[in-house]
Every structure is written in C-alpha cells, then in structure tokens.
Amino acid sequence: MALTLHSHQEDFPVVENGKIVGLLTRADVILTIHQFGVQKLVQDVMKKDFPVVQVNDALIKAHKLMEEWKIKAVPVLNRERVVGIVSLEDISRVYLLMSGKK
C-alpha cells in the first residue's frame, strides 16, 4: 500500500487471476495508514463495490459514474480483464484538446 503514496495515480485496480476484485484509493490508504499503520492487507482496505467501464463505452459514461459514485477514476475493462483506468483528469485533458484550449 505504501507504494501508492509515491505514484501520481490516485486509484488502483486490484487484480487477482486476471480479474478485477477491488479498487484501492490513495485516500483510503492514507486513512488506513494513519489509523492502523502499514499492517493492514490490501484486501481489507480496497473497495469491493465500485463502477467500471468497458473499452467501447463513451467517456461521458465514465464521467457520470465518477459523479454518481463521488470518485476520481474508474477501471476500464475489455470484457472482464482490466486494461486501464480513466480519471477525471484524463477526461478534462480530452475535453481541452477537443475544444482547442491548452
């Protein structure tokens, strides 16, 4: 979990045998480390209920899910396999590129 603190990424899909089983957020890691130290297991901290999008879903779907769930990113799946994660920052970057702004 401590490795999540040194990444620019804030949300991390937890994968077991090629399938997503959880979502670990930096906020949850910080809170857990503050309360319990680094002894907790990822499986005890990760969210087990979270939204996902498929590779062929529109970005607006990902954005709406982030708003509904009050999260900053959603895992991207190709069928049941994790192939990435899309964040609010990613969507904002695409919007700015499409609008011609820098």
Protein backbone atom coordinates (compact mmCIF):
# COMPACT_ATOMS: atom_id res chain seq x y z
CA MET A 1 0.00 0.00 0.00
CA ALA A 2 2.82 2.39 0.74
CA LEU A 3 3.79 2.35 -2.95
CA THR A 4 0.51 4.09 -3.80
CA LEU A 5 1.73 7.17 -1.95
CA HIS A 6 4.63 7.64 -4.39
CA SER A 7 2.56 7.47 -7.56
CA HIS A 8 0.84 10.28 -9.46
CA GLN A 9 -2.13 7.92 -9.80
CA GLU A 10 -4.78 8.07 -7.08
CA ASP A 11 -6.83 4.94 -7.75
CA PHE A 12 -5.53 1.43 -8.30
CA PRO A 13 -7.42 -1.60 -9.63
CA VAL A 14 -6.74 -4.72 -7.58
CA VAL A 15 -6.45 -7.72 -9.89
CA GLU A 16 -6.42 -11.40 -8.99
CA ASN A 17 -6.06 -14.13 -11.61
CA GLY A 18 -6.60 -11.53 -14.33
CA LYS A 19 -9.93 -10.29 -12.95
CA ILE A 20 -10.61 -7.10 -11.04
CA VAL A 21 -11.57 -7.78 -7.43
CA GLY A 22 -11.26 -4.34 -5.87
CA LEU A 23 -10.32 -0.70 -6.14
CA LEU A 24 -7.73 0.83 -3.84
CA THR A 25 -7.79 4.61 -3.45
CA ARG A 26 -4.96 6.77 -2.20
CA ALA A 27 -7.37 8.41 0.26
CA ASP A 28 -8.26 5.02 1.76
CA VAL A 29 -4.58 4.09 2.00
CA ILE A 30 -3.68 7.34 3.78
CA LEU A 31 -6.58 6.98 6.22
CA THR A 32 -5.72 3.34 6.93
CA ILE A 33 -2.02 4.02 7.46
CA HIS A 34 -2.88 6.92 9.76
CA GLN A 35 -5.27 4.79 11.83
CA PHE A 36 -3.62 1.36 11.76
CA GLY A 37 -0.11 1.69 10.33
CA VAL A 38 1.00 -0.39 7.36
CA GLN A 39 -0.05 -3.75 8.81
CA LYS A 40 -3.47 -3.89 7.11
CA LEU A 41 -3.84 -6.01 3.97
CA VAL A 42 -4.92 -4.56 0.64
CA GLN A 43 -7.98 -6.83 0.70
CA ASP A 44 -9.05 -5.21 3.99
CA VAL A 45 -8.77 -1.67 2.61
CA MET A 46 -9.90 -1.95 -1.03
CA LYS A 47 -13.40 -1.09 -2.16
CA LYS A 48 -15.26 -4.19 -3.24
CA ASP A 49 -18.22 -2.33 -4.73
CA PHE A 50 -17.26 0.12 -7.48
CA PRO A 51 -18.20 1.01 -11.05
CA VAL A 52 -16.28 0.00 -14.18
CA VAL A 53 -16.49 0.90 -17.85
CA GLN A 54 -15.79 -1.19 -20.92
CA VAL A 55 -13.26 -0.14 -23.59
CA ASN A 56 -16.07 0.71 -26.02
CA ASP A 57 -18.04 2.91 -23.57
CA ALA A 58 -18.19 6.66 -24.14
CA LEU A 59 -16.18 8.93 -21.84
CA ILE A 60 -19.43 10.57 -20.74
CA LYS A 61 -20.46 7.26 -19.14
CA ALA A 62 -17.21 7.19 -17.15
CA HIS A 63 -17.71 10.82 -16.14
CA LYS A 64 -21.29 10.20 -14.97
CA LEU A 65 -20.21 7.17 -12.94
CA MET A 66 -17.47 9.22 -11.26
CA GLU A 67 -20.02 11.91 -10.35
CA GLU A 68 -22.55 9.37 -9.04
CA TRP A 69 -20.00 7.44 -7.00
CA LYS A 70 -18.01 10.54 -5.96
CA ILE A 71 -14.74 9.02 -7.18
CA LYS A 72 -11.91 10.33 -9.33
CA ALA A 73 -11.34 7.33 -11.63
CA VAL A 74 -12.91 4.12 -12.92
CA PRO A 75 -11.22 0.95 -14.13
CA VAL A 76 -11.51 0.18 -17.84
CA LEU A 77 -12.22 -3.43 -18.81
CA ASN A 78 -12.07 -5.38 -22.03
CA ARG A 79 -14.76 -7.90 -21.16
CA GLU A 80 -13.58 -8.94 -17.68
CA ARG A 81 -9.88 -8.04 -17.98
CA VAL A 82 -8.51 -4.74 -16.68
CA VAL A 83 -6.83 -2.80 -19.48
CA GLY A 84 -6.53 0.60 -17.80
CA ILE A 85 -8.08 3.26 -15.65
CA VAL A 86 -9.64 6.55 -16.75
CA SER A 87 -9.62 9.56 -14.44
CA LEU A 88 -11.38 12.90 -14.25
CA GLU A 89 -8.03 14.43 -15.18
CA ASP A 90 -7.91 12.28 -18.33
CA ILE A 91 -11.42 13.34 -19.34
CA SER A 92 -10.61 17.00 -18.69
CA ARG A 93 -7.50 16.70 -20.84
CA VAL A 94 -9.53 15.24 -23.73
CA TYR A 95 -12.14 17.99 -23.38
CA LEU A 96 -9.46 20.68 -23.51
CA LEU A 97 -7.85 19.10 -26.58
CA MET A 98 -11.19 18.86 -28.37
CA SER A 99 -12.11 22.44 -27.52
CA GLY A 100 -8.77 23.73 -28.81
CA LYS A 101 -7.70 25.09 -25.41
CA LYS A 102 -4.31 24.41 -23.83
